[in-house]
Structure formats: structure tokens, C-alpha cells
Amino acid sequence: MNEEECLMRLPDEPELPTQINIVPMIDVIFAILTFFIISTLYLTRSQGLPVNLPSAKTAQSQRSTPITVTLDQQGRIALNRKAIAIDALDEQVRALIAPNQEVVVVLNADTQVKHGQVIAVMDQLRSVKGAKLAIATQKP
């Protein structure tokens, strides 16, 4: 067979239809989607323990703060999500504040906590120099 005969036979063979395999593309899209879903879960930042905050119509948003004191329903106190005794609260907050700096300390108190205990925590926080007290509420 010579070269001309080979060229002539090629058009006689049936052509296979062109195919695009999208399965790898779907795998890549699901991998990217999974990455974005998981990464957005880590973007939420929880500063306090979960409590039922009281409502206030005059509530205003505050900028993010590094110090959060939480009073849960049973009256337990937590400083930045770590349990602490009320007697050590002012000392630990002082340790978190740099000298000559003012920091907003957010008090998250559950609606079921007794008023006297909230006042006791507020009293401890007011004795700390450079700590500005804010009480967390939710809008109705």
C-alpha cells in the first residue's frame, strides 16, 4: 500500500462523535463548594456563652471587643468563655487590659439571672481602671 491509498481510506472510517466528559468538572465544583461552606463556618466568632439576652429598644451595636463577661442561667460567671469566680473577676480583667488603654467589657447576662448578681458583677467590673462597661441586649 502506498501513501495515497492510506489517505483515501481514512474518510471511509466512521467518525466518532466529540464528547465532553463533565464528571471531573462536577467533582471540582463540589470540592470548591465544600471548601467555601466549611470556611464560612469558621468565620463566625462567638465571644460569649449562649444565653437568653434581654430585649431593649434603645440597644446600639458596639464594635468587637476582646473582653466578654457572661452570666448564665444558673448564675455561673465566665470571662472570655472560661469559668471564673466573682472574686477573681476584677483581677483577671485588669490583666487583660493594657496600661493607659480603655476597653469595653461586654456583660452578657441571661434574663433569668437575679438582679443582685448582675449588680455584683457590674460592681467588680467598675473597679477596674480602663474598663468601660456595656450590657449586651438583643433588639426585639
Protein backbone atom coordinates (compact mmCIF):
# COMPACT_ATOMS: atom_id res chain seq x y z
CA MET A 1 0.00 0.00 0.00
CA ASN A 2 1.26 3.37 -0.82
CA GLU A 3 0.64 6.65 0.86
CA GLU A 4 -2.22 7.72 -1.40
CA GLU A 5 -4.26 4.62 -0.62
CA CYS A 6 -3.90 5.19 3.13
CA LEU A 7 -5.15 8.75 2.80
CA MET A 8 -8.12 7.58 0.79
CA ARG A 9 -9.23 5.03 3.32
CA LEU A 10 -9.33 7.44 6.28
CA PRO A 11 -12.53 9.21 5.17
CA ASP A 12 -14.32 5.86 4.82
CA GLU A 13 -13.95 5.10 8.53
CA PRO A 14 -16.83 6.28 10.73
CA GLU A 15 -16.12 9.38 12.77
CA LEU A 16 -16.65 9.17 16.50
CA PRO A 17 -18.81 11.99 17.90
CA THR A 18 -16.96 14.51 20.04
CA GLN A 19 -17.67 14.03 23.73
CA ILE A 20 -17.08 16.28 26.68
CA ASN A 21 -16.79 14.47 29.97
CA ILE A 22 -18.21 16.77 32.69
CA VAL A 23 -17.79 14.39 35.63
CA PRO A 24 -14.34 15.78 36.60
CA MET A 25 -15.72 19.32 36.34
CA ILE A 26 -18.59 18.42 38.70
CA ASP A 27 -16.08 16.91 41.15
CA VAL A 28 -14.04 20.12 41.13
CA ILE A 29 -17.14 22.29 41.64
CA PHE A 30 -18.28 20.18 44.61
CA ALA A 31 -14.79 20.35 46.12
CA ILE A 32 -14.78 24.16 45.82
CA LEU A 33 -18.31 24.37 47.23
CA THR A 34 -17.32 22.20 50.20
CA PHE A 35 -14.29 24.40 50.84
CA PHE A 36 -16.42 27.57 50.91
CA ILE A 37 -19.07 26.05 53.16
CA ILE A 38 -16.52 24.83 55.70
CA SER A 39 -14.52 28.06 55.62
CA THR A 40 -17.62 30.19 56.29
CA LEU A 41 -18.38 28.13 59.38
CA TYR A 42 -15.10 29.32 60.88
CA LEU A 43 -15.80 32.98 60.07
CA THR A 44 -18.44 33.32 62.77
CA ARG A 45 -16.94 34.47 66.01
CA SER A 46 -18.65 33.70 69.25
CA GLN A 47 -17.49 35.92 72.07
CA GLY A 48 -19.66 34.70 74.91
CA LEU A 49 -21.51 31.66 76.07
CA PRO A 50 -25.04 31.18 74.73
CA VAL A 51 -27.54 32.98 76.98
CA ASN A 52 -31.01 34.46 76.52
CA LEU A 53 -30.33 38.19 76.35
CA PRO A 54 -32.97 40.70 77.43
CA SER A 55 -34.55 42.97 74.81
CA ALA A 56 -34.04 46.73 74.62
CA LYS A 57 -35.46 49.12 72.03
CA THR A 58 -32.59 51.56 72.53
CA ALA A 59 -29.88 48.91 72.00
CA GLN A 60 -26.89 50.03 69.94
CA SER A 61 -24.23 47.92 68.28
CA GLN A 62 -20.74 48.13 69.72
CA ARG A 63 -17.51 47.37 67.94
CA SER A 64 -15.96 43.98 68.54
CA THR A 65 -14.37 43.72 71.97
CA PRO A 66 -11.81 41.30 73.32
CA ILE A 67 -13.34 41.07 76.80
CA THR A 68 -16.70 39.41 77.43
CA VAL A 69 -18.18 38.50 80.81
CA THR A 70 -21.09 36.06 80.75
CA LEU A 71 -23.62 35.25 83.47
CA ASP A 72 -25.53 32.11 82.52
CA GLN A 73 -28.95 30.96 83.71
CA GLN A 74 -27.51 29.17 86.75
CA GLY A 75 -25.54 32.27 87.78
CA ARG A 76 -22.11 30.95 86.75
CA ILE A 77 -19.62 33.58 85.58
CA ALA A 78 -17.31 33.21 82.57
CA LEU A 79 -14.60 35.57 81.35
CA ASN A 80 -14.00 35.15 77.61
CA ARG A 81 -15.72 31.74 77.76
CA LYS A 82 -13.63 30.48 80.71
CA ALA A 83 -15.27 29.90 84.09
CA ILE A 84 -14.14 32.25 86.82
CA ALA A 85 -15.07 33.13 90.40
CA ILE A 86 -16.58 36.55 91.06
CA ASP A 87 -13.77 37.42 93.49
CA ALA A 88 -11.12 36.93 90.81
CA LEU A 89 -13.05 38.77 88.07
CA ASP A 90 -11.59 42.26 88.56
CA GLU A 91 -8.05 40.91 88.83
CA GLN A 92 -8.35 38.86 85.62
CA VAL A 93 -9.90 41.77 83.69
CA ARG A 94 -7.08 44.07 84.83
CA ALA A 95 -4.59 41.54 83.45
CA LEU A 96 -6.30 41.69 80.04
CA ILE A 97 -6.21 45.49 79.78
CA ALA A 98 -3.00 47.18 78.68
CA PRO A 99 -1.81 50.18 80.74
CA ASN A 100 -3.40 53.52 79.79
CA GLN A 101 -5.90 51.81 77.48
CA GLU A 102 -9.69 51.80 77.58
CA VAL A 103 -11.51 48.59 76.68
CA VAL A 104 -15.22 47.91 76.50
CA VAL A 105 -16.19 44.96 78.69
CA VAL A 106 -19.45 43.42 77.49
CA LEU A 107 -21.67 41.82 80.12
CA ASN A 108 -23.88 39.04 78.73
CA ALA A 109 -26.40 38.27 81.46
CA ASP A 110 -29.21 35.76 80.98
CA THR A 111 -32.73 37.05 81.56
CA GLN A 112 -33.21 34.51 84.37
CA VAL A 113 -30.21 35.71 86.44
CA LYS A 114 -31.08 37.57 89.64
CA HIS A 115 -30.65 41.32 89.55
CA GLY A 116 -28.40 41.28 92.61
CA GLN A 117 -25.88 39.01 90.94
CA VAL A 118 -25.74 41.24 87.84
CA ILE A 119 -25.09 44.26 90.08
CA ALA A 120 -22.32 42.36 91.92
CA VAL A 121 -20.57 41.59 88.63
CA MET A 122 -21.02 45.18 87.44
CA ASP A 123 -19.53 46.42 90.72
CA GLN A 124 -16.46 44.23 90.22
CA LEU A 125 -16.03 45.48 86.65
CA ARG A 126 -16.43 49.15 87.58
CA SER A 127 -13.48 48.89 89.96
CA VAL A 128 -11.17 48.09 87.02
CA LYS A 129 -9.41 51.17 85.65
CA GLY A 130 -9.78 51.47 81.86
CA ALA A 131 -12.78 49.14 81.65
CA LYS A 132 -15.92 50.63 80.14
CA LEU A 133 -18.98 48.55 80.91
CA ALA A 134 -21.57 47.62 78.28
CA ILE A 135 -24.56 45.33 78.79
CA ALA A 136 -25.47 43.04 75.90
CA THR A 137 -29.09 43.01 74.77
CA GLN A 138 -30.96 41.95 71.69
CA LYS A 139 -33.35 44.01 69.64
CA PRO A 140 -36.98 42.90 69.94
